């Protein structure tokens, strides 16, 4: 379990200046290397002369110990492409010097499409009180056949969640890859246990049937994470 003192400040997913979202998995050969890999990423970024277009970077630890998820927000693609050409090679070399053997399957470029947020009142209209803290993040990936399938998937699932709110689900943010081939649901939960309870319930089954009926959509399954460390280069407006 990650110590609360090391939990990252989670990104404001809906911040208006985040024009592009970048995710990448860094695969480690041993669970003991997972936190050192995340530490080396964050430490390298903290030492870097960061461009203003880089807003935030947050690292997440997969609960199986197999990889680190890097979730980055930038203002635009052009600035990131410039960083990749000029600064990223040195950053990666510094990480590999500390911890060789990391595998990097690649980076996916997304735009945020829409979000579901838990209602602030219950079914009787009563205020549910202060928002609960995010204790876990679960990503759910999908392969899609183009932008229409992407949008249809995101809109159908969000509509289902709004009709049947799920205990413990604080938000679900749907990201569409710029090439039309992927959708990422970044879901914020109070705890991993509340997410596990959801997977066994009727709403999960109903949503799975909804997704299965959509043409051009292939679910890839969920991955649970614990937030770890991050860098906030430019605070959210």
Protein backbone atom coordinates (compact mmCIF):
# COMPACT_ATOMS: atom_id res chain seq x y z
CA UNK A 1 0.00 0.00 0.00
CA UNK A 2 1.28 3.46 -0.87
CA UNK A 3 1.94 5.69 2.12
CA UNK A 4 -0.45 8.69 2.18
CA UNK A 5 2.56 10.98 2.51
CA UNK A 6 3.65 9.91 -0.95
CA UNK A 7 0.30 10.22 -2.70
CA UNK A 8 0.36 12.46 -5.73
CA UNK A 9 -1.74 15.54 -6.11
CA UNK A 10 -4.18 14.16 -8.65
CA UNK A 11 -4.54 16.08 -11.88
CA UNK A 12 -7.57 18.26 -12.52
CA UNK A 13 -8.75 16.20 -15.46
CA UNK A 14 -11.13 18.86 -16.75
CA UNK A 15 -8.75 21.84 -16.54
CA UNK A 16 -9.51 24.01 -19.58
CA UNK A 17 -5.90 24.64 -20.63
CA UNK A 18 -5.09 20.93 -21.06
CA UNK A 19 -5.33 20.69 -24.83
CA UNK A 20 -3.68 17.30 -25.05
CA UNK A 21 -3.35 14.34 -22.68
CA UNK A 22 -0.54 11.82 -23.01
CA UNK A 23 -0.43 8.41 -21.36
CA UNK A 24 2.32 5.82 -21.39
CA UNK A 25 3.05 2.61 -19.51
CA UNK A 26 6.57 1.89 -18.28
CA UNK A 27 6.80 -1.86 -17.71
CA UNK A 28 9.16 -3.17 -15.02
CA UNK A 29 10.60 -6.67 -14.77
CA UNK A 30 10.11 -6.95 -11.00
CA UNK A 31 7.49 -5.43 -8.67
CA UNK A 32 10.34 -4.19 -6.48
CA UNK A 33 11.34 -1.89 -9.35
CA UNK A 34 7.93 -0.26 -9.70
CA UNK A 35 8.29 2.55 -7.17
CA UNK A 36 11.95 3.26 -8.05
CA UNK A 37 10.88 3.59 -11.70
CA UNK A 38 8.14 6.07 -10.79
CA UNK A 39 10.53 7.94 -8.51
CA UNK A 40 13.13 8.20 -11.26
CA UNK A 41 10.53 9.61 -13.68
CA UNK A 42 9.32 12.27 -11.24
CA UNK A 43 12.82 13.11 -9.99
CA UNK A 44 14.05 13.58 -13.57
CA UNK A 45 11.13 15.88 -14.38
CA UNK A 46 11.72 17.89 -11.21
CA UNK A 47 15.34 18.53 -12.28
CA UNK A 48 14.36 19.39 -15.84
CA UNK A 49 13.99 22.89 -17.25
CA UNK A 50 10.34 22.27 -18.03
CA UNK A 51 8.51 24.04 -20.87
CA UNK A 52 5.51 26.13 -19.87
CA UNK A 53 3.32 24.00 -22.12
CA UNK A 54 3.89 21.03 -19.81
CA UNK A 55 1.17 21.37 -17.16
CA UNK A 56 1.26 18.23 -15.01
CA UNK A 57 2.67 14.73 -14.84
CA UNK A 58 1.20 12.13 -12.48
CA UNK A 59 2.47 8.60 -11.93
CA UNK A 60 0.25 5.69 -10.90
CA UNK A 61 1.30 2.24 -9.68
CA UNK A 62 -0.60 -0.72 -11.13
CA UNK A 63 -1.82 -2.91 -8.29
CA UNK A 64 -0.22 -6.01 -9.86
CA UNK A 65 3.22 -4.39 -9.57
CA UNK A 66 3.88 -4.72 -13.28
CA UNK A 67 4.05 -1.16 -14.55
CA UNK A 68 3.87 2.56 -13.93
CA UNK A 69 1.24 4.64 -15.70
CA UNK A 70 2.36 8.15 -16.65
CA UNK A 71 -0.50 10.61 -17.20
CA UNK A 72 0.61 14.00 -18.55
CA UNK A 73 -1.31 17.15 -19.45
CA UNK A 74 0.08 19.60 -22.01
CA UNK A 75 -1.38 22.69 -23.59
CA UNK A 76 -0.81 21.50 -27.17
CA UNK A 77 0.74 18.78 -29.33
CA UNK A 78 3.32 21.01 -31.02
CA UNK A 79 5.05 21.87 -27.74
CA UNK A 80 5.19 18.21 -26.79
CA UNK A 81 6.65 17.22 -30.16
CA UNK A 82 9.38 19.83 -29.63
CA UNK A 83 10.10 18.38 -26.18
CA UNK A 84 10.35 14.87 -27.62
CA UNK A 85 12.94 16.03 -30.15
CA UNK A 86 15.03 18.17 -27.82
CA UNK A 87 14.74 17.02 -24.19
CA UNK A 88 13.12 13.60 -23.89
CA UNK A 89 16.16 11.53 -24.98
CA UNK A 90 18.26 12.91 -22.11
CA UNK A 91 15.43 12.35 -19.64
CA UNK A 92 15.03 8.71 -20.68
CA UNK A 93 18.79 8.14 -20.53
CA UNK A 94 18.85 9.49 -16.98
CA UNK A 95 16.04 7.13 -15.95
CA UNK A 96 17.68 4.12 -17.62
CA UNK A 97 20.98 4.91 -15.94
CA UNK A 98 19.25 4.59 -12.57
CA UNK A 99 17.07 1.61 -13.43
CA UNK A 100 17.90 -0.25 -16.66
CA UNK A 101 15.46 -2.69 -18.24
CA UNK A 102 12.29 -0.59 -18.36
CA UNK A 103 10.08 -1.40 -21.35
CA UNK A 104 8.08 1.40 -22.97
CA UNK A 105 5.31 0.05 -25.25
CA UNK A 106 4.51 3.54 -26.50
CA UNK A 107 2.57 6.71 -25.92
CA UNK A 108 -1.08 7.46 -26.69
CA UNK A 109 -2.32 10.95 -27.42
CA UNK A 110 -5.84 11.80 -26.20
CA UNK A 111 -8.40 14.58 -25.99
CA UNK A 112 -10.88 14.72 -23.12
CA UNK A 113 -14.39 14.19 -24.53
CA UNK A 114 -16.76 14.31 -21.55
CA UNK A 115 -16.99 13.37 -17.89
CA UNK A 116 -19.46 11.83 -15.49
CA UNK A 117 -19.35 13.19 -11.95
CA UNK A 118 -21.19 11.77 -8.97
CA UNK A 119 -24.26 13.82 -8.07
CA UNK A 120 -24.01 16.14 -5.08
CA UNK A 121 -27.47 15.09 -3.85
CA UNK A 122 -29.11 11.71 -3.24
CA UNK A 123 -32.30 10.39 -4.83
CA UNK A 124 -34.37 12.33 -2.30
CA UNK A 125 -32.63 15.60 -3.21
CA UNK A 126 -30.66 15.78 0.03
CA UNK A 127 -27.13 17.18 0.02
CA UNK A 128 -24.67 14.31 0.25
CA UNK A 129 -22.05 16.43 2.01
CA UNK A 130 -18.42 17.18 1.14
CA UNK A 131 -16.93 15.31 -1.79
CA UNK A 132 -15.01 12.19 -0.81
CA UNK A 133 -11.33 11.83 -1.56
CA UNK A 134 -10.06 9.78 -4.48
CA UNK A 135 -8.39 6.65 -3.13
CA UNK A 136 -7.91 4.73 -6.37
CA UNK A 137 -7.99 5.22 -10.12
CA UNK A 138 -9.18 2.50 -12.49
CA UNK A 139 -8.64 2.86 -16.22
CA UNK A 140 -10.76 0.95 -18.71
CA UNK A 141 -9.54 0.76 -22.28
CA UNK A 142 -11.43 0.14 -25.51
CA UNK A 143 -10.42 -0.32 -29.14
CA UNK A 144 -12.66 1.59 -31.53
CA UNK A 145 -13.26 1.83 -35.26
CA UNK A 146 -13.09 5.57 -35.72
CA UNK A 147 -14.35 8.78 -34.09
CA UNK A 148 -18.06 7.94 -34.36
CA UNK A 149 -17.58 4.72 -32.40
CA UNK A 150 -15.48 6.59 -29.84
CA UNK A 151 -18.11 9.23 -29.17
CA UNK A 152 -21.00 6.75 -29.17
CA UNK A 153 -19.26 4.59 -26.57
CA UNK A 154 -18.42 7.48 -24.26
CA UNK A 155 -21.88 9.04 -24.51
CA UNK A 156 -23.72 5.75 -23.90
CA UNK A 157 -21.69 4.84 -20.81
CA UNK A 158 -21.95 8.33 -19.33
CA UNK A 159 -25.72 8.29 -19.89
CA UNK A 160 -25.92 4.93 -18.11
CA UNK A 161 -23.93 6.20 -15.13
CA UNK A 162 -26.10 9.30 -14.83
CA UNK A 163 -29.21 7.14 -14.81
CA UNK A 164 -27.78 4.67 -12.30
CA UNK A 165 -25.15 6.34 -10.04
CA UNK A 166 -22.65 3.89 -8.56
CA UNK A 167 -21.66 4.03 -4.87
CA UNK A 168 -17.99 4.92 -4.54
CA UNK A 169 -17.59 6.17 -8.12
CA UNK A 170 -16.63 9.84 -7.91
CA UNK A 171 -16.01 10.52 -11.61
CA UNK A 172 -15.41 8.85 -14.96
CA UNK A 173 -13.50 10.84 -17.57
CA UNK A 174 -13.64 9.65 -21.17
CA UNK A 175 -10.57 10.31 -23.32
CA UNK A 176 -10.61 9.78 -27.09
CA UNK A 177 -7.35 9.03 -28.88
CA UNK A 178 -6.59 11.47 -31.67
CA UNK A 179 -6.29 8.65 -34.23
CA UNK A 180 -9.80 7.33 -33.50
CA UNK A 181 -8.66 3.87 -32.39
CA UNK A 182 -8.91 4.03 -28.59
CA UNK A 183 -11.05 5.26 -25.72
CA UNK A 184 -9.74 5.53 -22.18
CA UNK A 185 -12.10 5.77 -19.24
CA UNK A 186 -10.14 7.26 -16.31
CA UNK A 187 -12.39 6.53 -13.33
CA UNK A 188 -11.88 7.95 -9.84
CA UNK A 189 -13.06 5.77 -6.93
CA UNK A 190 -13.13 6.22 -3.17
CA UNK A 191 -11.35 2.86 -2.69
CA UNK A 192 -10.41 -0.23 -4.64
CA UNK A 193 -13.00 -2.15 -2.62
CA UNK A 194 -15.84 0.04 -3.89
CA UNK A 195 -14.68 -0.59 -7.45
CA UNK A 196 -14.50 -4.35 -6.81
CA UNK A 197 -18.04 -4.27 -5.42
CA UNK A 198 -19.21 -2.45 -8.56
CA UNK A 199 -17.74 -5.14 -10.83
CA UNK A 200 -19.99 -7.72 -9.15
CA UNK A 201 -23.16 -5.64 -9.35
CA UNK A 202 -26.05 -5.23 -11.76
CA UNK A 203 -25.00 -1.80 -13.07
CA UNK A 204 -21.66 -3.20 -14.21
CA UNK A 205 -23.44 -6.03 -16.02
CA UNK A 206 -25.89 -3.62 -17.66
CA UNK A 207 -23.10 -1.34 -18.86
CA UNK A 208 -21.20 -4.34 -20.24
CA UNK A 209 -24.27 -5.33 -22.28
CA UNK A 210 -24.60 -1.76 -23.56
CA UNK A 211 -20.97 -1.72 -24.69
CA UNK A 212 -21.21 -5.18 -26.25
CA UNK A 213 -24.11 -3.97 -28.43
CA UNK A 214 -22.14 -1.02 -29.84
CA UNK A 215 -20.61 -1.55 -33.31
CA UNK A 216 -16.90 -0.95 -33.70
CA UNK A 217 -16.09 -1.19 -29.98
CA UNK A 218 -13.90 -3.85 -28.33
CA UNK A 219 -13.36 -3.69 -24.53
CA UNK A 220 -9.79 -4.23 -23.32
CA UNK A 221 -10.61 -4.52 -19.64
CA UNK A 222 -9.84 -2.55 -16.48
CA UNK A 223 -6.55 -1.79 -14.75
CA UNK A 224 -6.62 -0.59 -11.12
CA UNK A 225 -4.01 1.87 -9.90
CA UNK A 226 -2.92 3.69 -6.78
CA UNK A 227 -1.83 7.33 -7.24
CA UNK A 228 1.83 7.81 -6.41
CA UNK A 229 3.84 10.96 -7.20
CA UNK A 230 3.59 13.81 -9.64
CA UNK A 231 4.81 17.17 -10.85
CA UNK A 232 2.56 20.21 -11.13
CA UNK A 233 4.40 22.60 -13.43
CA UNK A 234 1.52 25.03 -14.00
CA UNK A 235 -1.33 25.12 -11.45
CA UNK A 236 -4.83 24.72 -12.84
CA UNK A 237 -6.53 28.06 -13.57
